[in-house]
Amino acid sequence: VFVLCRTSNPGGSDLQFLETGGEPLYLRVASLVADKWNRH
């Protein structure tokens, strides 16, 4: 299961660079996948 994180299109920055908890959203997604979703 490949989860969209930091996409190759320029418009990806519209949302993926928004800060959440002091970091960009794409890194929040990366942490969420690595730490919680990757059980198997």
ModelCIF file with pLDDT and N, C-alpha, C, O atoms, coordinates in Angstrom:
data_MODEL
#
_entry.id   MODEL 
#
_entity.id                         1 
_entity.type                       polymer 
_entity.pdbx_number_of_molecules   1 
#
_entity_poly.entity_id                      1 
_entity_poly.type                           'polypeptide(L)' 
_entity_poly.nstd_linkage                   no 
_entity_poly.nstd_monomer                   no 
_entity_poly.pdbx_seq_one_letter_code       VFVLCRTSNPGGSDLQFLETGGEPLYLRVASLVADKWNRH 
_entity_poly.pdbx_seq_one_letter_code_can   VFVLCRTSNPGGSDLQFLETGGEPLYLRVASLVADKWNRH 
_entity_poly.pdbx_strand_id                 A 
#
loop_
_entity_poly_seq.entity_id 
_entity_poly_seq.num 
_entity_poly_seq.mon_id 
_entity_poly_seq.hetero 
1 1  VAL n 
1 2  PHE n 
1 3  VAL n 
1 4  LEU n 
1 5  CYS n 
1 6  ARG n 
1 7  THR n 
1 8  SER n 
1 9  ASN n 
1 10 PRO n 
1 11 GLY n 
1 12 GLY n 
1 13 SER n 
1 14 ASP n 
1 15 LEU n 
1 16 GLN n 
1 17 PHE n 
1 18 LEU n 
1 19 GLU n 
1 20 THR n 
1 21 GLY n 
1 22 GLY n 
1 23 GLU n 
1 24 PRO n 
1 25 LEU n 
1 26 TYR n 
1 27 LEU n 
1 28 ARG n 
1 29 VAL n 
1 30 ALA n 
1 31 SER n 
1 32 LEU n 
1 33 VAL n 
1 34 ALA n 
1 35 ASP n 
1 36 LYS n 
1 37 TRP n 
1 38 ASN n 
1 39 ARG n 
1 40 HIS n 
#
_struct_asym.id          A 
_struct_asym.entity_id   1 
#
loop_
_ma_qa_metric.id 
_ma_qa_metric.mode 
_ma_qa_metric.name 
_ma_qa_metric.software_group_id 
_ma_qa_metric.type 
1 global pLDDT . pLDDT 
2 local  pLDDT . pLDDT 
#
_ma_qa_metric_global.metric_id      1 
_ma_qa_metric_global.metric_value   90.78 
_ma_qa_metric_global.model_id       1 
_ma_qa_metric_global.ordinal_id     1 
#
loop_
_ma_qa_metric_local.label_asym_id 
_ma_qa_metric_local.label_comp_id 
_ma_qa_metric_local.label_seq_id 
_ma_qa_metric_local.metric_id 
_ma_qa_metric_local.metric_value 
_ma_qa_metric_local.model_id 
_ma_qa_metric_local.ordinal_id 
A VAL 1  2 98.00 1 1  
A PHE 2  2 98.00 1 2  
A VAL 3  2 98.00 1 3  
A LEU 4  2 96.00 1 4  
A CYS 5  2 95.00 1 5  
A ARG 6  2 91.00 1 6  
A THR 7  2 87.00 1 7  
A SER 8  2 81.00 1 8  
A ASN 9  2 83.00 1 9  
A PRO 10 2 80.00 1 10 
A GLY 11 2 87.00 1 11 
A GLY 12 2 81.00 1 12 
A SER 13 2 82.00 1 13 
A ASP 14 2 81.00 1 14 
A LEU 15 2 82.00 1 15 
A GLN 16 2 81.00 1 16 
A PHE 17 2 80.00 1 17 
A LEU 18 2 85.00 1 18 
A GLU 19 2 88.00 1 19 
A THR 20 2 88.00 1 20 
A GLY 21 2 87.00 1 21 
A GLY 22 2 90.00 1 22 
A GLU 23 2 92.00 1 23 
A PRO 24 2 93.00 1 24 
A LEU 25 2 92.00 1 25 
A TYR 26 2 94.00 1 26 
A LEU 27 2 96.00 1 27 
A ARG 28 2 95.00 1 28 
A VAL 29 2 96.00 1 29 
A ALA 30 2 97.00 1 30 
A SER 31 2 96.00 1 31 
A LEU 32 2 96.00 1 32 
A VAL 33 2 97.00 1 33 
A ALA 34 2 97.00 1 34 
A ASP 35 2 96.00 1 35 
A LYS 36 2 96.00 1 36 
A TRP 37 2 96.00 1 37 
A ASN 38 2 96.00 1 38 
A ARG 39 2 93.00 1 39 
A HIS 40 2 94.00 1 40 
#
loop_
_atom_site.group_PDB 
_atom_site.id 
_atom_site.type_symbol 
_atom_site.label_atom_id 
_atom_site.label_alt_id 
_atom_site.label_comp_id 
_atom_site.label_asym_id 
_atom_site.label_entity_id 
_atom_site.label_seq_id 
_atom_site.pdbx_PDB_ins_code 
_atom_site.Cartn_x 
_atom_site.Cartn_y 
_atom_site.Cartn_z 
_atom_site.occupancy 
_atom_site.B_iso_or_equiv 
_atom_site.pdbx_formal_charge 
_atom_site.auth_seq_id 
_atom_site.auth_comp_id 
_atom_site.auth_asym_id 
_atom_site.auth_atom_id 
_atom_site.pdbx_PDB_model_num 
ATOM 1   N N  . VAL A 1 1  ? 0.861  -1.179 0.000  1.00 98.00 ? 1  VAL A N  1 
ATOM 2   C CA . VAL A 1 1  ? 0.000  0.000  0.000  1.00 98.00 ? 1  VAL A CA 1 
ATOM 3   C C  . VAL A 1 1  ? 0.901  1.234  0.000  1.00 98.00 ? 1  VAL A C  1 
ATOM 4   O O  . VAL A 1 1  ? 1.547  1.543  1.001  1.00 98.00 ? 1  VAL A O  1 
ATOM 5   N N  . PHE A 1 2  ? 0.936  1.936  -1.139 1.00 98.00 ? 2  PHE A N  1 
ATOM 6   C CA . PHE A 1 2  ? 1.753  3.145  -1.254 1.00 98.00 ? 2  PHE A CA 1 
ATOM 7   C C  . PHE A 1 2  ? 0.883  4.368  -1.014 1.00 98.00 ? 2  PHE A C  1 
ATOM 8   O O  . PHE A 1 2  ? -0.064 4.624  -1.757 1.00 98.00 ? 2  PHE A O  1 
ATOM 9   N N  . VAL A 1 3  ? 1.208  5.113  0.020  1.00 98.00 ? 3  VAL A N  1 
ATOM 10  C CA . VAL A 1 3  ? 0.419  6.264  0.453  1.00 98.00 ? 3  VAL A CA 1 
ATOM 11  C C  . VAL A 1 3  ? 1.024  7.540  -0.139 1.00 98.00 ? 3  VAL A C  1 
ATOM 12  O O  . VAL A 1 3  ? 2.229  7.768  -0.035 1.00 98.00 ? 3  VAL A O  1 
ATOM 13  N N  . LEU A 1 4  ? 0.186  8.365  -0.757 1.00 96.00 ? 4  LEU A N  1 
ATOM 14  C CA . LEU A 1 4  ? 0.663  9.635  -1.287 1.00 96.00 ? 4  LEU A CA 1 
ATOM 15  C C  . LEU A 1 4  ? 1.229  10.482 -0.157 1.00 96.00 ? 4  LEU A C  1 
ATOM 16  O O  . LEU A 1 4  ? 0.600  10.650 0.888  1.00 96.00 ? 4  LEU A O  1 
ATOM 17  N N  . CYS A 1 5  ? 2.436  11.019 -0.384 1.00 95.00 ? 5  CYS A N  1 
ATOM 18  C CA . CYS A 1 5  ? 3.110  11.769 0.663  1.00 95.00 ? 5  CYS A CA 1 
ATOM 19  C C  . CYS A 1 5  ? 3.557  13.136 0.146  1.00 95.00 ? 5  CYS A C  1 
ATOM 20  O O  . CYS A 1 5  ? 2.980  14.159 0.515  1.00 95.00 ? 5  CYS A O  1 
ATOM 21  N N  . ARG A 1 6  ? 4.585  13.156 -0.709 1.00 91.00 ? 6  ARG A N  1 
ATOM 22  C CA . ARG A 1 6  ? 5.063  14.411 -1.328 1.00 91.00 ? 6  ARG A CA 1 
ATOM 23  C C  . ARG A 1 6  ? 5.068  14.186 -2.831 1.00 91.00 ? 6  ARG A C  1 
ATOM 24  O O  . ARG A 1 6  ? 6.025  13.635 -3.376 1.00 91.00 ? 6  ARG A O  1 
ATOM 25  N N  . THR A 1 7  ? 4.009  14.608 -3.499 1.00 87.00 ? 7  THR A N  1 
ATOM 26  C CA . THR A 1 7  ? 3.814  14.259 -4.892 1.00 87.00 ? 7  THR A CA 1 
ATOM 27  C C  . THR A 1 7  ? 4.666  15.135 -5.807 1.00 87.00 ? 7  THR A C  1 
ATOM 28  O O  . THR A 1 7  ? 5.167  16.181 -5.396 1.00 87.00 ? 7  THR A O  1 
ATOM 29  N N  . SER A 1 8  ? 4.821  14.686 -7.063 1.00 81.00 ? 8  SER A N  1 
ATOM 30  C CA . SER A 1 8  ? 5.769  15.314 -7.981 1.00 81.00 ? 8  SER A CA 1 
ATOM 31  C C  . SER A 1 8  ? 5.237  16.574 -8.641 1.00 81.00 ? 8  SER A C  1 
ATOM 32  O O  . SER A 1 8  ? 6.006  17.321 -9.246 1.00 81.00 ? 8  SER A O  1 
ATOM 33  N N  . ASN A 1 9  ? 3.924  16.829 -8.537 1.00 83.00 ? 9  ASN A N  1 
ATOM 34  C CA . ASN A 1 9  ? 3.344  17.990 -9.214 1.00 83.00 ? 9  ASN A CA 1 
ATOM 35  C C  . ASN A 1 9  ? 3.551  19.265 -8.413 1.00 83.00 ? 9  ASN A C  1 
ATOM 36  O O  . ASN A 1 9  ? 3.537  19.215 -7.183 1.00 83.00 ? 9  ASN A O  1 
ATOM 37  N N  . PRO A 1 10 ? 3.744  20.417 -9.071 1.00 80.00 ? 10 PRO A N  1 
ATOM 38  C CA . PRO A 1 10 ? 3.961  21.676 -8.347 1.00 80.00 ? 10 PRO A CA 1 
ATOM 39  C C  . PRO A 1 10 ? 2.828  22.021 -7.388 1.00 80.00 ? 10 PRO A C  1 
ATOM 40  O O  . PRO A 1 10 ? 3.078  22.549 -6.305 1.00 80.00 ? 10 PRO A O  1 
ATOM 41  N N  . GLY A 1 11 ? 1.580  21.728 -7.773 1.00 87.00 ? 11 GLY A N  1 
ATOM 42  C CA . GLY A 1 11 ? 0.447  22.067 -6.928 1.00 87.00 ? 11 GLY A CA 1 
ATOM 43  C C  . GLY A 1 11 ? 0.358  21.266 -5.647 1.00 87.00 ? 11 GLY A C  1 
ATOM 44  O O  . GLY A 1 11 ? -0.429 21.598 -4.760 1.00 87.00 ? 11 GLY A O  1 
ATOM 45  N N  . GLY A 1 12 ? 1.162  20.208 -5.538 1.00 81.00 ? 12 GLY A N  1 
ATOM 46  C CA . GLY A 1 12 ? 1.166  19.442 -4.298 1.00 81.00 ? 12 GLY A CA 1 
ATOM 47  C C  . GLY A 1 12 ? 1.513  20.286 -3.086 1.00 81.00 ? 12 GLY A C  1 
ATOM 48  O O  . GLY A 1 12 ? 1.095  19.978 -1.970 1.00 81.00 ? 12 GLY A O  1 
ATOM 49  N N  . SER A 1 13 ? 2.275  21.347 -3.301 1.00 82.00 ? 13 SER A N  1 
ATOM 50  C CA . SER A 1 13 ? 2.670  22.217 -2.192 1.00 82.00 ? 13 SER A CA 1 
ATOM 51  C C  . SER A 1 13 ? 1.490  22.963 -1.585 1.00 82.00 ? 13 SER A C  1 
ATOM 52  O O  . SER A 1 13 ? 1.569  23.428 -0.448 1.00 82.00 ? 13 SER A O  1 
ATOM 53  N N  . ASP A 1 14 ? 0.393  23.082 -2.335 1.00 81.00 ? 14 ASP A N  1 
ATOM 54  C CA . ASP A 1 14 ? -0.773 23.810 -1.814 1.00 81.00 ? 14 ASP A CA 1 
ATOM 55  C C  . ASP A 1 14 ? -1.224 23.243 -0.472 1.00 81.00 ? 14 ASP A C  1 
ATOM 56  O O  . ASP A 1 14 ? -1.616 23.996 0.419  1.00 81.00 ? 14 ASP A O  1 
ATOM 57  N N  . LEU A 1 15 ? -1.171 21.913 -0.323 1.00 82.00 ? 15 LEU A N  1 
ATOM 58  C CA . LEU A 1 15 ? -1.580 21.267 0.918  1.00 82.00 ? 15 LEU A CA 1 
ATOM 59  C C  . LEU A 1 15 ? -0.409 20.589 1.623  1.00 82.00 ? 15 LEU A C  1 
ATOM 60  O O  . LEU A 1 15 ? -0.306 20.649 2.848  1.00 82.00 ? 15 LEU A O  1 
ATOM 61  N N  . GLN A 1 16 ? 0.462  19.953 0.870  1.00 81.00 ? 16 GLN A N  1 
ATOM 62  C CA . GLN A 1 16 ? 1.491  19.114 1.484  1.00 81.00 ? 16 GLN A CA 1 
ATOM 63  C C  . GLN A 1 16 ? 2.532  19.906 2.263  1.00 81.00 ? 16 GLN A C  1 
ATOM 64  O O  . GLN A 1 16 ? 3.233  19.340 3.102  1.00 81.00 ? 16 GLN A O  1 
ATOM 65  N N  . PHE A 1 17 ? 2.643  21.212 2.000  1.00 80.00 ? 17 PHE A N  1 
ATOM 66  C CA . PHE A 1 17 ? 3.587  22.046 2.733  1.00 80.00 ? 17 PHE A CA 1 
ATOM 67  C C  . PHE A 1 17 ? 2.951  22.814 3.885  1.00 80.00 ? 17 PHE A C  1 
ATOM 68  O O  . PHE A 1 17 ? 3.647  23.537 4.598  1.00 80.00 ? 17 PHE A O  1 
ATOM 69  N N  . LEU A 1 18 ? 1.641  22.671 4.080  1.00 85.00 ? 18 LEU A N  1 
ATOM 70  C CA . LEU A 1 18 ? 1.004  23.337 5.210  1.00 85.00 ? 18 LEU A CA 1 
ATOM 71  C C  . LEU A 1 18 ? 1.579  22.798 6.517  1.00 85.00 ? 18 LEU A C  1 
ATOM 72  O O  . LEU A 1 18 ? 1.791  21.593 6.659  1.00 85.00 ? 18 LEU A O  1 
ATOM 73  N N  . GLU A 1 19 ? 1.828  23.688 7.463  1.00 88.00 ? 19 GLU A N  1 
ATOM 74  C CA . GLU A 1 19 ? 2.418  23.263 8.729  1.00 88.00 ? 19 GLU A CA 1 
ATOM 75  C C  . GLU A 1 19 ? 1.359  22.699 9.668  1.00 88.00 ? 19 GLU A C  1 
ATOM 76  O O  . GLU A 1 19 ? 0.266  23.246 9.808  1.00 88.00 ? 19 GLU A O  1 
ATOM 77  N N  . THR A 1 20 ? 1.713  21.599 10.299 1.00 88.00 ? 20 THR A N  1 
ATOM 78  C CA . THR A 1 20 ? 0.875  20.995 11.314 1.00 88.00 ? 20 THR A CA 1 
ATOM 79  C C  . THR A 1 20 ? 1.776  20.512 12.443 1.00 88.00 ? 20 THR A C  1 
ATOM 80  O O  . THR A 1 20 ? 2.615  19.633 12.246 1.00 88.00 ? 20 THR A O  1 
ATOM 81  N N  . GLY A 1 21 ? 1.600  21.087 13.614 1.00 87.00 ? 21 GLY A N  1 
ATOM 82  C CA . GLY A 1 21 ? 2.464  20.728 14.733 1.00 87.00 ? 21 GLY A CA 1 
ATOM 83  C C  . GLY A 1 21 ? 3.913  21.100 14.508 1.00 87.00 ? 21 GLY A C  1 
ATOM 84  O O  . GLY A 1 21 ? 4.814  20.433 15.017 1.00 87.00 ? 21 GLY A O  1 
ATOM 85  N N  . GLY A 1 22 ? 4.149  22.167 13.745 1.00 90.00 ? 22 GLY A N  1 
ATOM 86  C CA . GLY A 1 22 ? 5.505  22.641 13.533 1.00 90.00 ? 22 GLY A CA 1 
ATOM 87  C C  . GLY A 1 22 ? 6.259  21.953 12.414 1.00 90.00 ? 22 GLY A C  1 
ATOM 88  O O  . GLY A 1 22 ? 7.461  22.171 12.262 1.00 90.00 ? 22 GLY A O  1 
ATOM 89  N N  . GLU A 1 23 ? 5.585  21.128 11.625 1.00 92.00 ? 23 GLU A N  1 
ATOM 90  C CA . GLU A 1 23 ? 6.238  20.463 10.502 1.00 92.00 ? 23 GLU A CA 1 
ATOM 91  C C  . GLU A 1 23 ? 5.286  20.415 9.317  1.00 92.00 ? 23 GLU A C  1 
ATOM 92  O O  . GLU A 1 23 ? 4.073  20.501 9.506  1.00 92.00 ? 23 GLU A O  1 
ATOM 93  N N  . PRO A 1 24 ? 5.806  20.278 8.095  1.00 93.00 ? 24 PRO A N  1 
ATOM 94  C CA . PRO A 1 24 ? 4.913  20.217 6.940  1.00 93.00 ? 24 PRO A CA 1 
ATOM 95  C C  . PRO A 1 24 ? 4.062  18.959 6.952  1.00 93.00 ? 24 PRO A C  1 
ATOM 96  O O  . PRO A 1 24 ? 4.456  17.925 7.491  1.00 93.00 ? 24 PRO A O  1 
ATOM 97  N N  . LEU A 1 25 ? 2.893  19.070 6.349  1.00 92.00 ? 25 LEU A N  1 
ATOM 98  C CA . LEU A 1 25 ? 1.938  17.969 6.375  1.00 92.00 ? 25 LEU A CA 1 
ATOM 99  C C  . LEU A 1 25 ? 2.519  16.696 5.777  1.00 92.00 ? 25 LEU A C  1 
ATOM 100 O O  . LEU A 1 25 ? 2.218  15.604 6.259  1.00 92.00 ? 25 LEU A O  1 
ATOM 101 N N  . TYR A 1 26 ? 3.355  16.807 4.723  1.00 94.00 ? 26 TYR A N  1 
ATOM 102 C CA . TYR A 1 26 ? 3.865  15.593 4.101  1.00 94.00 ? 26 TYR A CA 1 
ATOM 103 C C  . TYR A 1 26 ? 4.720  14.784 5.071  1.00 94.00 ? 26 TYR A C  1 
ATOM 104 O O  . TYR A 1 26 ? 4.720  13.554 5.019  1.00 94.00 ? 26 TYR A O  1 
ATOM 105 N N  . LEU A 1 27 ? 5.457  15.474 5.966  1.00 96.00 ? 27 LEU A N  1 
ATOM 106 C CA . LEU A 1 27 ? 6.235  14.734 6.964  1.00 96.00 ? 27 LEU A CA 1 
ATOM 107 C C  . LEU A 1 27 ? 5.342  14.156 8.047  1.00 96.00 ? 27 LEU A C  1 
ATOM 108 O O  . LEU A 1 27 ? 5.654  13.110 8.617  1.00 96.00 ? 27 LEU A O  1 
ATOM 109 N N  . ARG A 1 28 ? 4.244  14.822 8.333  1.00 95.00 ? 28 ARG A N  1 
ATOM 110 C CA . ARG A 1 28 ? 3.263  14.260 9.264  1.00 95.00 ? 28 ARG A CA 1 
ATOM 111 C C  . ARG A 1 28 ? 2.684  12.969 8.688  1.00 95.00 ? 28 ARG A C  1 
ATOM 112 O O  . ARG A 1 28 ? 2.509  11.987 9.410  1.00 95.00 ? 28 ARG A O  1 
ATOM 113 N N  . VAL A 1 29 ? 2.387  12.973 7.380  1.00 96.00 ? 29 VAL A N  1 
ATOM 114 C CA . VAL A 1 29 ? 1.894  11.761 6.724  1.00 96.00 ? 29 VAL A CA 1 
ATOM 115 C C  . VAL A 1 29 ? 2.945  10.660 6.791  1.00 96.00 ? 29 VAL A C  1 
ATOM 116 O O  . VAL A 1 29 ? 2.619  9.510  7.083  1.00 96.00 ? 29 VAL A O  1 
ATOM 117 N N  . ALA A 1 30 ? 4.198  11.001 6.524  1.00 97.00 ? 30 ALA A N  1 
ATOM 118 C CA . ALA A 1 30 ? 5.264  10.004 6.569  1.00 97.00 ? 30 ALA A CA 1 
ATOM 119 C C  . ALA A 1 30 ? 5.367  9.369  7.949  1.00 97.00 ? 30 ALA A C  1 
ATOM 120 O O  . ALA A 1 30 ? 5.513  8.152  8.069  1.00 97.00 ? 30 ALA A O  1 
ATOM 121 N N  . SER A 1 31 ? 5.292  10.186 8.978  1.00 96.00 ? 31 SER A N  1 
ATOM 122 C CA . SER A 1 31 ? 5.369  9.659  10.341 1.00 96.00 ? 31 SER A CA 1 
ATOM 123 C C  . SER A 1 31 ? 4.169  8.792  10.676 1.00 96.00 ? 31 SER A C  1 
ATOM 124 O O  . SER A 1 31 ? 4.314  7.743  11.304 1.00 96.00 ? 31 SER A O  1 
ATOM 125 N N  . LEU A 1 32 ? 2.988  9.220  10.262 1.00 96.00 ? 32 LEU A N  1 
ATOM 126 C CA . LEU A 1 32 ? 1.764  8.471  10.533 1.00 96.00 ? 32 LEU A CA 1 
ATOM 127 C C  . LEU A 1 32 ? 1.840  7.086  9.895  1.00 96.00 ? 32 LEU A C  1 
ATOM 128 O O  . LEU A 1 32 ? 1.499  6.085  10.526 1.00 96.00 ? 32 LEU A O  1 
ATOM 129 N N  . VAL A 1 33 ? 2.283  7.034  8.656  1.00 97.00 ? 33 VAL A N  1 
ATOM 130 C CA . VAL A 1 33 ? 2.387  5.749  7.962  1.00 97.00 ? 33 VAL A CA 1 
ATOM 131 C C  . VAL A 1 33 ? 3.435  4.866  8.626  1.00 97.00 ? 33 VAL A C  1 
ATOM 132 O O  . VAL A 1 33 ? 3.186  3.687  8.880  1.00 97.00 ? 33 VAL A O  1 
ATOM 133 N N  . ALA A 1 34 ? 4.600  5.429  8.905  1.00 97.00 ? 34 ALA A N  1 
ATOM 134 C CA . ALA A 1 34 ? 5.696  4.633  9.464  1.00 97.00 ? 34 ALA A CA 1 
ATOM 135 C C  . ALA A 1 34 ? 5.408  4.157  10.878 1.00 97.00 ? 34 ALA A C  1 
ATOM 136 O O  . ALA A 1 34 ? 5.747  3.028  11.235 1.00 97.00 ? 34 ALA A O  1 
ATOM 137 N N  . ASP A 1 35 ? 4.785  5.007  11.685 1.00 96.00 ? 35 ASP A N  1 
ATOM 138 C CA . ASP A 1 35 ? 4.639  4.709  13.114 1.00 96.00 ? 35 ASP A CA 1 
ATOM 139 C C  . ASP A 1 35 ? 3.331  4.006  13.477 1.00 96.00 ? 35 ASP A C  1 
ATOM 140 O O  . ASP A 1 35 ? 3.282  3.275  14.466 1.00 96.00 ? 35 ASP A O  1 
ATOM 141 N N  . LYS A 1 36 ? 2.268  4.216  12.690 1.00 96.00 ? 36 LYS A N  1 
ATOM 142 C CA . LYS A 1 36 ? 0.960  3.687  13.087 1.00 96.00 ? 36 LYS A CA 1 
ATOM 143 C C  . LYS A 1 36 ? 0.321  2.762  12.050 1.00 96.00 ? 36 LYS A C  1 
ATOM 144 O O  . LYS A 1 36 ? -0.312 1.772  12.416 1.00 96.00 ? 36 LYS A O  1 
ATOM 145 N N  . TRP A 1 37 ? 0.477  3.071  10.772 1.00 96.00 ? 37 TRP A N  1 
ATOM 146 C CA . TRP A 1 37 ? -0.260 2.318  9.768  1.00 96.00 ? 37 TRP A CA 1 
ATOM 147 C C  . TRP A 1 37 ? 0.480  1.096  9.260  1.00 96.00 ? 37 TRP A C  1 
ATOM 148 O O  . TRP A 1 37 ? -0.135 0.206  8.672  1.00 96.00 ? 37 TRP A O  1 
ATOM 149 N N  . ASN A 1 38 ? 1.766  1.032  9.469  1.00 96.00 ? 38 ASN A N  1 
ATOM 150 C CA . ASN A 1 38 ? 2.586  -0.018 8.846  1.00 96.00 ? 38 ASN A CA 1 
ATOM 151 C C  . ASN A 1 38 ? 2.689  -1.262 9.724  1.00 96.00 ? 38 ASN A C  1 
ATOM 152 O O  . ASN A 1 38 ? 3.775  -1.815 9.897  1.00 96.00 ? 38 ASN A O  1 
ATOM 153 N N  . ARG A 1 39 ? 1.567  -1.698 10.274 1.00 93.00 ? 39 ARG A N  1 
ATOM 154 C CA . ARG A 1 39 ? 1.586  -2.809 11.226 1.00 93.00 ? 39 ARG A CA 1 
ATOM 155 C C  . ARG A 1 39 ? 2.070  -4.112 10.596 1.00 93.00 ? 39 ARG A C  1 
ATOM 156 O O  . ARG A 1 39 ? 2.726  -4.917 11.257 1.00 93.00 ? 39 ARG A O  1 
ATOM 157 N N  . HIS A 1 40 ? 1.751  -4.318 9.335  1.00 94.00 ? 40 HIS A N  1 
ATOM 158 C CA . HIS A 1 40 ? 2.136  -5.560 8.658  1.00 94.00 ? 40 HIS A CA 1 
ATOM 159 C C  . HIS A 1 40 ? 3.397  -5.395 7.809  1.00 94.00 ? 40 HIS A C  1 
ATOM 160 O O  . HIS A 1 40 ? 3.846  -6.352 7.179  1.00 94.00 ? 40 HIS A O  1 
#
